[in-house]
N, C-alpha and C. Protein backbone atom coordinates (compact mmCIF):
# COMPACT_ATOMS: atom_id res chain seq x y z
N ASP A 1 260.79 163.68 -12.60
CA ASP A 1 261.14 162.34 -12.80
C ASP A 1 260.60 161.68 -14.19
N ASP A 2 259.98 162.48 -14.88
CA ASP A 2 259.57 162.03 -16.14
C ASP A 2 260.57 162.18 -17.26
N ILE A 3 261.58 162.90 -17.00
CA ILE A 3 262.70 163.07 -17.89
C ILE A 3 263.67 161.89 -17.85
N VAL A 4 264.11 161.36 -19.00
CA VAL A 4 264.98 160.28 -19.03
C VAL A 4 266.21 160.69 -18.32
N SER A 5 266.56 159.75 -17.30
CA SER A 5 267.77 160.11 -16.47
C SER A 5 268.71 159.07 -16.90
N HIS A 6 269.91 159.14 -16.24
CA HIS A 6 270.90 158.05 -16.43
C HIS A 6 270.56 156.80 -15.59
N ALA A 7 269.58 156.92 -14.77
CA ALA A 7 269.17 155.69 -14.09
C ALA A 7 268.68 154.61 -15.02
N ARG A 8 269.18 153.45 -14.96
CA ARG A 8 268.73 152.47 -15.95
C ARG A 8 267.55 151.68 -15.42
N PRO A 9 266.41 151.66 -16.13
CA PRO A 9 265.18 150.98 -15.64
C PRO A 9 265.30 149.39 -15.79
N LEU A 10 266.35 148.98 -16.43
CA LEU A 10 266.42 147.54 -16.84
C LEU A 10 267.72 146.98 -16.22
N GLY A 11 267.74 145.68 -16.13
CA GLY A 11 268.99 144.92 -15.98
C GLY A 11 269.79 144.84 -17.23
N SER A 12 271.16 144.33 -16.90
CA SER A 12 271.98 144.13 -18.08
C SER A 12 271.52 143.16 -19.17
N VAL A 13 270.95 142.05 -18.73
CA VAL A 13 270.34 141.02 -19.62
C VAL A 13 269.23 141.72 -20.58
N ALA A 14 268.27 142.40 -19.83
CA ALA A 14 267.24 143.03 -20.59
C ALA A 14 267.84 144.02 -21.62
N GLU A 15 268.79 144.78 -21.18
CA GLU A 15 269.35 145.91 -22.05
C GLU A 15 270.02 145.10 -23.23
N HIS A 16 270.77 144.14 -23.12
CA HIS A 16 271.40 143.36 -24.06
C HIS A 16 270.34 142.82 -25.03
N CYS A 17 269.36 142.31 -24.56
CA CYS A 17 268.18 141.81 -25.48
C CYS A 17 267.62 142.83 -26.28
N LEU A 18 267.27 143.94 -25.63
CA LEU A 18 266.69 145.09 -26.39
C LEU A 18 267.64 145.62 -27.48
N LEU A 19 269.02 145.51 -27.15
CA LEU A 19 269.91 146.08 -28.26
C LEU A 19 270.13 145.09 -29.40
N LYS A 20 270.08 143.80 -29.11
CA LYS A 20 270.38 142.69 -30.13
C LYS A 20 269.23 142.08 -30.69
N VAL A 21 268.08 141.84 -30.07
CA VAL A 21 267.07 140.99 -30.57
C VAL A 21 266.06 141.88 -31.52
N ARG A 22 265.78 141.49 -32.67
CA ARG A 22 264.79 142.11 -33.47
C ARG A 22 263.34 141.88 -33.11
N ASN A 23 262.93 140.95 -32.37
CA ASN A 23 261.71 140.59 -31.97
C ASN A 23 261.27 141.44 -30.74
N PRO A 24 259.99 141.72 -30.54
CA PRO A 24 259.61 142.32 -29.37
C PRO A 24 260.06 141.77 -28.09
N VAL A 25 260.39 142.48 -27.09
CA VAL A 25 260.92 142.04 -25.83
C VAL A 25 259.87 142.28 -24.69
N ILE A 26 259.49 141.40 -23.87
CA ILE A 26 258.63 141.54 -22.80
C ILE A 26 259.37 141.71 -21.50
N LEU A 27 259.00 142.78 -20.77
CA LEU A 27 259.71 142.98 -19.43
C LEU A 27 258.68 142.63 -18.33
N VAL A 28 258.89 141.61 -17.65
CA VAL A 28 257.91 141.19 -16.69
C VAL A 28 258.32 141.65 -15.31
N ARG A 29 257.30 142.18 -14.70
CA ARG A 29 257.44 142.89 -13.42
C ARG A 29 257.35 141.79 -12.18
N GLY A 30 258.36 141.08 -11.83
CA GLY A 30 258.18 140.10 -10.69
C GLY A 30 257.40 138.93 -11.09
N THR A 31 257.13 138.10 -10.04
CA THR A 31 256.60 136.85 -10.28
C THR A 31 255.14 136.67 -9.65
N HIS A 32 254.52 137.76 -9.31
CA HIS A 32 253.33 137.71 -8.48
C HIS A 32 252.19 138.06 -9.38
N GLY A 33 252.33 138.39 -10.73
CA GLY A 33 251.17 138.77 -11.51
C GLY A 33 250.62 137.59 -12.41
N LYS A 34 249.81 137.94 -13.27
CA LYS A 34 249.27 136.96 -14.16
C LYS A 34 250.17 136.16 -15.15
N PHE A 35 251.45 136.74 -15.15
CA PHE A 35 252.41 136.20 -16.12
C PHE A 35 253.33 135.29 -15.46
N GLU A 36 253.00 134.88 -14.27
CA GLU A 36 253.98 133.90 -13.60
C GLU A 36 254.01 132.52 -14.19
N TYR A 37 254.89 131.63 -13.78
CA TYR A 37 255.01 130.35 -14.47
C TYR A 37 253.67 129.55 -14.36
N ARG A 38 253.30 128.84 -15.30
CA ARG A 38 252.09 128.00 -15.36
C ARG A 38 252.42 126.59 -15.51
N GLU A 39 251.72 125.73 -14.79
CA GLU A 39 251.99 124.42 -14.87
C GLU A 39 251.62 123.82 -16.20
N PRO A 40 252.02 122.58 -16.55
CA PRO A 40 251.85 122.09 -17.84
C PRO A 40 250.27 121.97 -18.15
N ASP A 41 249.41 121.58 -17.06
CA ASP A 41 247.99 121.41 -17.29
C ASP A 41 247.39 122.96 -17.76
N ASP A 42 248.01 123.95 -17.30
CA ASP A 42 247.40 125.25 -17.75
C ASP A 42 247.73 125.65 -19.15
N VAL A 43 248.91 125.24 -19.58
CA VAL A 43 249.30 125.33 -21.00
C VAL A 43 248.33 124.76 -22.06
N VAL A 44 247.92 123.46 -21.61
CA VAL A 44 247.11 122.78 -22.70
C VAL A 44 245.62 123.20 -22.53
N GLY A 45 245.27 124.08 -21.54
CA GLY A 45 244.01 124.53 -21.51
C GLY A 45 243.10 123.89 -20.44
N LYS A 46 243.61 123.00 -19.63
CA LYS A 46 242.68 122.40 -18.59
C LYS A 46 242.46 123.42 -17.51
N ASN A 47 243.28 124.36 -17.32
CA ASN A 47 243.13 125.50 -16.32
C ASN A 47 243.39 126.73 -17.00
N PRO A 48 242.36 127.25 -17.76
CA PRO A 48 242.60 128.51 -18.66
C PRO A 48 243.03 129.63 -17.75
N ARG A 49 243.88 130.54 -18.37
CA ARG A 49 244.38 131.73 -17.65
C ARG A 49 243.21 132.66 -17.48
N PRO A 50 243.25 133.53 -16.53
CA PRO A 50 242.30 134.59 -16.44
C PRO A 50 242.45 135.66 -17.58
N ALA A 51 241.31 136.36 -17.83
CA ALA A 51 241.35 137.32 -18.87
C ALA A 51 242.34 138.37 -18.57
N LEU A 52 243.06 138.88 -19.62
CA LEU A 52 244.03 139.89 -19.47
C LEU A 52 243.57 141.11 -20.16
N ARG A 53 244.14 142.19 -19.63
CA ARG A 53 243.77 143.48 -20.17
C ARG A 53 245.16 144.08 -20.73
N PHE A 54 245.20 144.29 -22.06
CA PHE A 54 246.35 144.93 -22.78
C PHE A 54 246.02 146.34 -23.03
N ALA A 55 247.15 147.19 -22.94
CA ALA A 55 246.98 148.52 -23.43
C ALA A 55 248.17 148.72 -24.46
N CYS A 56 247.88 149.51 -25.46
CA CYS A 56 248.80 149.82 -26.53
C CYS A 56 248.82 151.27 -26.67
N ALA A 57 249.99 151.90 -26.46
CA ALA A 57 250.12 153.35 -26.57
C ALA A 57 250.54 153.51 -27.91
N VAL A 58 249.75 154.51 -28.69
CA VAL A 58 250.03 154.68 -30.18
C VAL A 58 250.10 156.24 -30.42
N ASP A 59 250.96 156.43 -31.48
CA ASP A 59 251.08 157.77 -32.09
C ASP A 59 250.90 157.56 -33.67
N ASN A 60 251.38 158.39 -34.40
CA ASN A 60 251.24 158.15 -35.99
C ASN A 60 252.56 157.59 -36.63
N SER A 61 253.26 156.72 -35.80
CA SER A 61 254.38 156.09 -36.34
C SER A 61 254.12 154.54 -36.74
N ARG A 62 255.04 154.20 -37.59
CA ARG A 62 255.07 152.80 -38.06
C ARG A 62 255.25 151.81 -36.88
N VAL A 63 256.13 152.19 -36.07
CA VAL A 63 256.38 151.31 -34.94
C VAL A 63 255.13 151.23 -33.96
N ALA A 64 254.40 152.20 -33.81
CA ALA A 64 253.10 152.14 -32.96
C ALA A 64 252.10 151.21 -33.74
N ARG A 65 252.15 151.25 -34.97
CA ARG A 65 251.19 150.26 -35.74
C ARG A 65 251.61 148.92 -35.50
N ARG A 66 252.89 148.71 -35.40
CA ARG A 66 253.45 147.32 -35.16
C ARG A 66 253.19 146.92 -33.71
N ALA A 67 253.29 147.91 -32.92
CA ALA A 67 252.87 147.61 -31.46
C ALA A 67 251.45 147.15 -31.21
N PHE A 68 250.55 147.93 -32.07
CA PHE A 68 249.13 147.50 -32.05
C PHE A 68 248.89 146.20 -32.56
N ASP A 69 249.54 145.86 -33.70
CA ASP A 69 249.42 144.54 -34.32
C ASP A 69 249.92 143.38 -33.23
N ARG A 70 250.89 143.72 -32.47
CA ARG A 70 251.50 142.79 -31.55
C ARG A 70 250.50 142.66 -30.44
N ALA A 71 249.87 143.68 -29.83
CA ALA A 71 249.01 143.64 -28.84
C ALA A 71 247.74 142.70 -29.13
N VAL A 72 247.31 143.00 -30.32
CA VAL A 72 246.01 142.25 -30.91
C VAL A 72 246.49 140.77 -30.93
N SER A 73 247.75 140.44 -31.41
CA SER A 73 248.15 139.04 -31.57
C SER A 73 248.24 138.44 -30.14
N PHE A 74 248.42 138.96 -29.11
CA PHE A 74 248.54 138.42 -27.78
C PHE A 74 247.18 138.06 -27.27
N ALA A 75 246.17 138.84 -27.71
CA ALA A 75 244.90 138.69 -27.07
C ALA A 75 244.06 137.45 -27.44
N ARG A 76 243.35 136.87 -26.53
CA ARG A 76 242.64 135.75 -26.65
C ARG A 76 241.20 136.12 -26.29
N ALA A 77 240.21 135.13 -26.58
CA ALA A 77 238.86 135.42 -26.25
C ALA A 77 238.69 135.78 -24.61
N GLY A 78 237.97 136.73 -24.34
CA GLY A 78 237.81 137.23 -22.98
C GLY A 78 238.83 138.33 -22.68
N ASP A 79 239.89 138.65 -23.42
CA ASP A 79 240.76 139.66 -23.19
C ASP A 79 240.33 141.01 -23.74
N ALA A 80 240.92 141.99 -23.38
CA ALA A 80 240.56 143.44 -23.80
C ALA A 80 241.88 144.11 -24.27
N VAL A 81 241.88 144.73 -25.37
CA VAL A 81 242.91 145.59 -25.92
C VAL A 81 242.48 147.04 -25.90
N GLU A 82 243.18 147.89 -25.16
CA GLU A 82 242.82 149.23 -25.13
C GLU A 82 243.96 150.03 -25.82
N VAL A 83 243.56 150.78 -26.78
CA VAL A 83 244.40 151.51 -27.65
C VAL A 83 244.42 152.96 -27.17
N LEU A 84 245.53 153.44 -26.66
CA LEU A 84 245.61 154.85 -25.98
C LEU A 84 246.43 155.70 -26.76
N HIS A 85 245.96 156.90 -26.89
CA HIS A 85 246.71 157.99 -27.55
C HIS A 85 246.67 159.22 -26.61
N VAL A 86 247.77 159.60 -26.18
CA VAL A 86 247.83 160.79 -25.19
C VAL A 86 247.99 162.02 -26.06
N HIS A 87 247.21 163.04 -25.72
CA HIS A 87 247.25 164.25 -26.61
C HIS A 87 247.06 165.49 -25.55
N ASP A 88 247.43 166.69 -25.89
CA ASP A 88 247.19 167.91 -25.30
C ASP A 88 245.96 168.41 -25.81
N GLY A 89 244.89 168.51 -25.06
CA GLY A 89 243.57 168.87 -25.64
C GLY A 89 243.40 170.46 -25.68
N ARG A 90 244.30 171.13 -25.31
CA ARG A 90 244.09 172.62 -25.10
C ARG A 90 244.29 173.14 -26.58
N GLY A 91 243.23 173.85 -27.00
CA GLY A 91 243.26 174.43 -28.27
C GLY A 91 243.44 173.50 -29.54
N SER A 92 244.02 174.16 -30.53
CA SER A 92 244.24 173.31 -31.85
C SER A 92 245.77 173.17 -31.94
N GLY A 93 246.16 172.70 -33.08
CA GLY A 93 247.62 172.35 -33.37
C GLY A 93 247.83 170.95 -33.52
N ALA A 94 249.21 170.58 -33.70
CA ALA A 94 249.65 169.28 -33.85
C ALA A 94 249.18 168.26 -33.01
N PRO A 95 249.14 168.42 -31.65
CA PRO A 95 248.73 167.25 -30.79
C PRO A 95 247.20 166.92 -30.99
N ARG A 96 246.41 167.96 -31.10
CA ARG A 96 244.91 167.69 -31.35
C ARG A 96 244.77 167.15 -32.80
N ASP A 97 245.48 167.71 -33.73
CA ASP A 97 245.33 167.17 -35.11
C ASP A 97 245.72 165.72 -35.24
N ARG A 98 246.80 165.22 -34.51
CA ARG A 98 247.19 163.85 -34.53
C ARG A 98 246.12 163.01 -34.01
N PHE A 99 245.46 163.44 -32.91
CA PHE A 99 244.37 162.65 -32.36
C PHE A 99 243.16 162.56 -33.34
N VAL A 100 242.94 163.58 -33.90
CA VAL A 100 241.84 163.63 -34.98
C VAL A 100 242.16 162.72 -36.02
N GLU A 101 243.33 162.73 -36.46
CA GLU A 101 243.85 161.75 -37.51
C GLU A 101 243.88 160.35 -37.10
N LEU A 102 244.29 160.12 -35.85
CA LEU A 102 244.45 158.67 -35.51
C LEU A 102 243.03 157.99 -35.05
N GLN A 103 242.18 158.83 -34.47
CA GLN A 103 240.90 158.27 -34.00
C GLN A 103 240.14 157.37 -35.03
N PRO A 104 239.89 157.84 -36.17
CA PRO A 104 239.12 157.00 -37.14
C PRO A 104 239.95 155.76 -37.67
N ILE A 105 241.35 155.93 -37.75
CA ILE A 105 242.12 154.77 -38.18
C ILE A 105 242.01 153.67 -37.09
N TYR A 106 242.28 154.01 -35.83
CA TYR A 106 242.35 153.00 -34.83
C TYR A 106 240.89 152.52 -34.40
N GLU A 107 239.90 153.33 -34.57
CA GLU A 107 238.52 152.80 -34.38
C GLU A 107 238.13 151.83 -35.52
N ALA A 108 238.65 152.07 -36.72
CA ALA A 108 238.36 151.04 -37.65
C ALA A 108 239.16 149.73 -37.41
N GLU A 109 240.33 149.92 -36.99
CA GLU A 109 241.15 148.72 -36.69
C GLU A 109 240.54 147.98 -35.52
N CYS A 110 239.95 148.62 -34.49
CA CYS A 110 239.34 147.93 -33.48
C CYS A 110 238.12 147.13 -34.05
N THR A 111 237.27 147.78 -34.84
CA THR A 111 236.22 147.19 -35.51
C THR A 111 236.66 145.88 -36.25
N LYS A 112 237.76 145.91 -36.91
CA LYS A 112 238.24 144.65 -37.56
C LYS A 112 238.56 143.59 -36.53
N VAL A 113 239.20 143.95 -35.39
CA VAL A 113 239.47 143.06 -34.33
C VAL A 113 238.24 142.45 -33.80
N ALA A 114 237.17 143.17 -33.66
CA ALA A 114 235.88 142.57 -33.19
C ALA A 114 235.34 141.64 -34.16
N ALA A 115 235.55 141.92 -35.50
CA ALA A 115 235.02 140.95 -36.40
C ALA A 115 235.81 139.71 -36.75
N THR A 116 237.08 139.82 -36.51
CA THR A 116 238.13 138.69 -36.82
C THR A 116 238.58 137.95 -35.61
N ARG A 117 238.43 138.51 -34.41
CA ARG A 117 238.89 137.83 -33.14
C ARG A 117 237.68 137.72 -32.17
N PRO A 118 236.97 136.76 -32.32
CA PRO A 118 235.68 136.67 -31.43
C PRO A 118 236.11 136.64 -29.97
N GLY A 119 235.36 137.34 -29.20
CA GLY A 119 235.56 137.45 -27.72
C GLY A 119 236.65 138.50 -27.33
N VAL A 120 237.28 139.18 -28.26
CA VAL A 120 238.43 140.05 -27.97
C VAL A 120 237.84 141.44 -28.08
N ALA A 121 237.81 142.17 -26.91
CA ALA A 121 237.24 143.63 -26.90
C ALA A 121 238.42 144.49 -27.29
N CYS A 122 238.08 145.46 -28.12
CA CYS A 122 239.11 146.48 -28.52
C CYS A 122 238.47 147.79 -28.61
N ALA A 123 239.09 148.79 -28.01
CA ALA A 123 238.69 150.09 -28.12
C ALA A 123 239.74 151.12 -28.09
N PHE A 124 239.50 152.31 -28.91
CA PHE A 124 240.50 153.31 -28.87
C PHE A 124 240.04 154.48 -28.02
N GLU A 125 240.97 155.05 -27.29
CA GLU A 125 240.59 156.11 -26.33
C GLU A 125 241.76 157.16 -26.40
N GLY A 126 241.33 158.36 -26.60
CA GLY A 126 242.20 159.56 -26.50
C GLY A 126 242.31 160.06 -25.06
N ILE A 127 243.51 160.23 -24.62
CA ILE A 127 243.63 160.70 -23.15
C ILE A 127 244.31 162.13 -23.27
N LEU A 128 243.56 162.99 -22.59
CA LEU A 128 244.01 164.36 -22.54
C LEU A 128 244.98 164.45 -21.35
N SER A 129 246.15 165.00 -21.74
CA SER A 129 247.28 165.15 -20.63
C SER A 129 246.74 166.35 -19.83
N LYS A 130 246.96 166.23 -18.54
CA LYS A 130 246.58 167.29 -17.64
C LYS A 130 247.68 168.22 -17.47
N GLY A 131 247.48 169.53 -17.84
CA GLY A 131 248.43 170.62 -17.72
C GLY A 131 249.71 170.27 -18.39
N GLY A 132 250.73 170.29 -17.66
CA GLY A 132 252.12 170.03 -18.21
C GLY A 132 252.51 168.63 -18.11
N GLU A 133 251.57 167.64 -17.85
CA GLU A 133 251.85 166.19 -17.67
C GLU A 133 252.51 165.64 -18.81
N SER A 134 253.44 164.90 -18.72
CA SER A 134 254.25 164.26 -19.85
C SER A 134 253.42 163.05 -20.32
N VAL A 135 253.75 162.58 -21.55
CA VAL A 135 253.10 161.53 -22.27
C VAL A 135 253.39 160.32 -21.37
N PRO A 136 254.60 159.90 -21.01
CA PRO A 136 254.78 158.65 -20.16
C PRO A 136 254.06 158.63 -18.87
N ARG A 137 253.95 159.80 -18.23
CA ARG A 137 253.23 159.78 -16.90
C ARG A 137 251.72 159.56 -17.21
N ALA A 138 251.12 160.14 -18.37
CA ALA A 138 249.76 159.95 -18.61
C ALA A 138 249.54 158.45 -19.08
N ILE A 139 250.42 157.76 -19.63
CA ILE A 139 250.31 156.42 -20.03
C ILE A 139 250.39 155.57 -18.75
N ALA A 140 251.25 155.77 -17.87
CA ALA A 140 251.52 155.05 -16.60
C ALA A 140 250.26 155.29 -15.76
N GLU A 141 249.64 156.38 -15.74
CA GLU A 141 248.43 156.62 -14.83
C GLU A 141 247.22 155.85 -15.52
N ALA A 142 247.14 155.90 -16.84
CA ALA A 142 246.04 155.21 -17.59
C ALA A 142 246.17 153.64 -17.34
N CYS A 143 247.30 153.10 -17.41
CA CYS A 143 247.57 151.71 -17.08
C CYS A 143 247.22 151.34 -15.70
N GLU A 144 247.48 152.24 -14.71
CA GLU A 144 247.13 151.91 -13.29
C GLU A 144 245.71 151.99 -13.20
N ALA A 145 245.05 153.02 -13.69
CA ALA A 145 243.72 153.22 -13.56
C ALA A 145 242.83 152.05 -14.21
N ARG A 146 243.24 151.44 -15.36
CA ARG A 146 242.60 150.40 -15.95
C ARG A 146 242.98 149.00 -15.47
N GLY A 147 243.95 148.81 -14.64
CA GLY A 147 244.48 147.55 -14.34
C GLY A 147 245.07 146.80 -15.34
N VAL A 148 245.88 147.43 -16.11
CA VAL A 148 246.51 146.80 -17.32
C VAL A 148 247.54 145.80 -16.92
N ASP A 149 247.52 144.52 -17.52
CA ASP A 149 248.42 143.52 -17.28
C ASP A 149 249.64 143.67 -18.20
N LEU A 150 249.44 144.12 -19.42
CA LEU A 150 250.64 144.20 -20.32
C LEU A 150 250.46 145.46 -21.16
N LEU A 151 251.42 146.46 -21.05
CA LEU A 151 251.48 147.57 -21.96
C LEU A 151 252.39 147.34 -23.07
N VAL A 152 251.95 147.49 -24.28
CA VAL A 152 252.66 147.36 -25.40
C VAL A 152 252.89 148.61 -26.07
N LEU A 153 254.14 148.94 -26.36
CA LEU A 153 254.36 150.24 -27.05
C LEU A 153 255.63 150.10 -27.91
N GLY A 154 255.74 150.91 -28.83
CA GLY A 154 256.89 151.00 -29.68
C GLY A 154 257.99 151.80 -29.03
N SER A 155 259.16 151.55 -29.43
CA SER A 155 260.40 152.40 -29.09
C SER A 155 261.24 152.78 -30.21
N ALA A 156 261.46 154.05 -30.23
CA ALA A 156 262.36 154.48 -31.46
C ALA A 156 263.70 153.86 -31.28
N GLU A 157 264.36 153.66 -32.32
CA GLU A 157 265.66 153.12 -32.24
C GLU A 157 266.82 154.13 -32.02
N LEU A 158 266.69 154.51 -30.70
CA LEU A 158 267.68 155.44 -30.08
C LEU A 158 268.75 155.05 -29.25
N ALA A 159 268.87 153.73 -29.25
CA ALA A 159 269.89 153.12 -28.32
C ALA A 159 271.23 153.84 -28.47
N ASP A 160 271.81 154.27 -27.36
CA ASP A 160 273.17 154.83 -27.27
C ASP A 160 273.73 154.37 -25.84
N MET A 161 274.46 153.32 -25.97
CA MET A 161 274.95 152.80 -24.65
C MET A 161 275.95 153.62 -24.09
N SER A 162 276.63 154.50 -24.85
CA SER A 162 277.53 155.46 -24.11
C SER A 162 276.85 156.40 -23.27
N LYS A 163 275.61 156.64 -23.55
CA LYS A 163 274.75 157.58 -22.72
C LYS A 163 273.79 156.88 -21.88
N GLY A 164 273.84 155.56 -21.92
CA GLY A 164 272.96 154.77 -20.93
C GLY A 164 271.54 154.53 -21.48
N PHE A 165 271.26 154.90 -22.85
CA PHE A 165 270.00 154.71 -23.42
C PHE A 165 269.85 153.42 -24.13
N VAL A 166 268.91 152.63 -23.85
CA VAL A 166 268.55 151.46 -24.50
C VAL A 166 267.19 151.61 -25.20
N LEU A 167 266.30 152.45 -24.64
CA LEU A 167 264.98 152.67 -25.22
C LEU A 167 264.95 154.13 -25.63
N GLY A 168 263.88 154.40 -26.38
CA GLY A 168 263.48 155.72 -26.60
C GLY A 168 262.95 156.42 -25.29
N SER A 169 262.81 157.73 -25.22
CA SER A 169 262.52 158.35 -23.92
C SER A 169 261.13 157.94 -23.32
N VAL A 170 260.12 157.79 -24.26
CA VAL A 170 258.81 157.40 -23.65
C VAL A 170 258.75 156.03 -23.17
N ALA A 171 259.42 155.07 -23.89
CA ALA A 171 259.45 153.65 -23.45
C ALA A 171 260.21 153.56 -22.24
N ALA A 172 261.29 154.32 -22.10
CA ALA A 172 262.16 154.23 -20.86
C ALA A 172 261.44 154.72 -19.75
N SER A 173 260.80 155.85 -19.90
CA SER A 173 260.02 156.40 -18.77
C SER A 173 258.78 155.50 -18.39
N CYS A 174 258.18 154.93 -19.44
CA CYS A 174 257.01 154.00 -18.99
C CYS A 174 257.65 152.85 -18.23
N ALA A 175 258.86 152.35 -18.61
CA ALA A 175 259.48 151.22 -17.84
C ALA A 175 259.73 151.59 -16.43
N ARG A 176 260.03 152.84 -16.19
CA ARG A 176 260.29 153.29 -14.77
C ARG A 176 259.05 153.55 -14.07
N ASN A 177 257.95 154.01 -14.76
CA ASN A 177 256.76 154.60 -13.97
C ASN A 177 255.59 153.75 -13.95
N THR A 178 255.52 152.56 -14.42
CA THR A 178 254.31 151.73 -14.41
C THR A 178 254.64 150.42 -13.83
N ASP A 179 253.67 149.89 -13.02
CA ASP A 179 253.90 148.56 -12.54
C ASP A 179 253.44 147.38 -13.57
N ALA A 180 252.88 147.86 -14.71
CA ALA A 180 252.46 146.82 -15.65
C ALA A 180 253.54 146.07 -16.25
N ASN A 181 253.48 144.96 -16.74
CA ASN A 181 254.43 144.36 -17.53
C ASN A 181 254.52 145.12 -18.85
N ILE A 182 255.52 145.11 -19.51
CA ILE A 182 255.82 146.00 -20.76
C ILE A 182 256.31 145.07 -21.84
N CYS A 183 255.75 145.25 -23.10
CA CYS A 183 256.29 144.60 -24.33
C CYS A 183 256.73 145.74 -25.17
N VAL A 184 258.04 145.76 -25.49
CA VAL A 184 258.70 146.87 -26.29
C VAL A 184 258.82 146.35 -27.64
N VAL A 185 258.32 147.02 -28.67
CA VAL A 185 258.38 146.71 -30.07
C VAL A 185 259.37 147.67 -30.64
N LYS A 186 260.56 147.10 -31.04
CA LYS A 186 261.48 148.10 -31.41
C LYS A 186 261.36 148.49 -32.91
N ASN A 187 261.95 149.73 -33.22
CA ASN A 187 261.79 150.16 -34.70
C ASN A 187 263.11 149.96 -35.48
N PHE A 188 263.12 148.80 -35.95
CA PHE A 188 264.31 148.33 -36.86
C PHE A 188 263.99 148.69 -38.26
N ALA A 189 264.69 149.54 -38.98
CA ALA A 189 264.39 149.78 -40.29
C ALA A 189 264.69 148.71 -41.25
């Protein structure tokens, strides 16, 4: 079930927005979470919102960097941003090399967040995929285990409506397999 199927994880309005809108699009999962409608007093700060937990799935792409920047921009004092990179920890090779390459970059970015965004916690974590576990499944499990409110991730510009694809394969699978709200940052060149 981790393979992109022709089953669409989104409604037609969400698909249209993802195809046409250049800004990130947030997919909200129902009305019972922390992203539900807030009364006007809540918006002006009389009843501050509870702390939120953001997760940002990254690789070594430009769109992943944009997703990280977007996740940090959402965070307020008391919130946490967890930067997740899934890799296959068995032996050496490209997956392990990418983790080794990304770790110092995102740890430095998290240090910058701590210095410039008081009260926002930020941490990078490498997640080892288990056996033949797919990247989207590992991301979904990490979100569930951490109680993530909003997963922010980039999506390759692979939209092909004739095949039913509006998102890249990882973003589409995450949209189907996690209960977290999702912010999709598109890769427009």
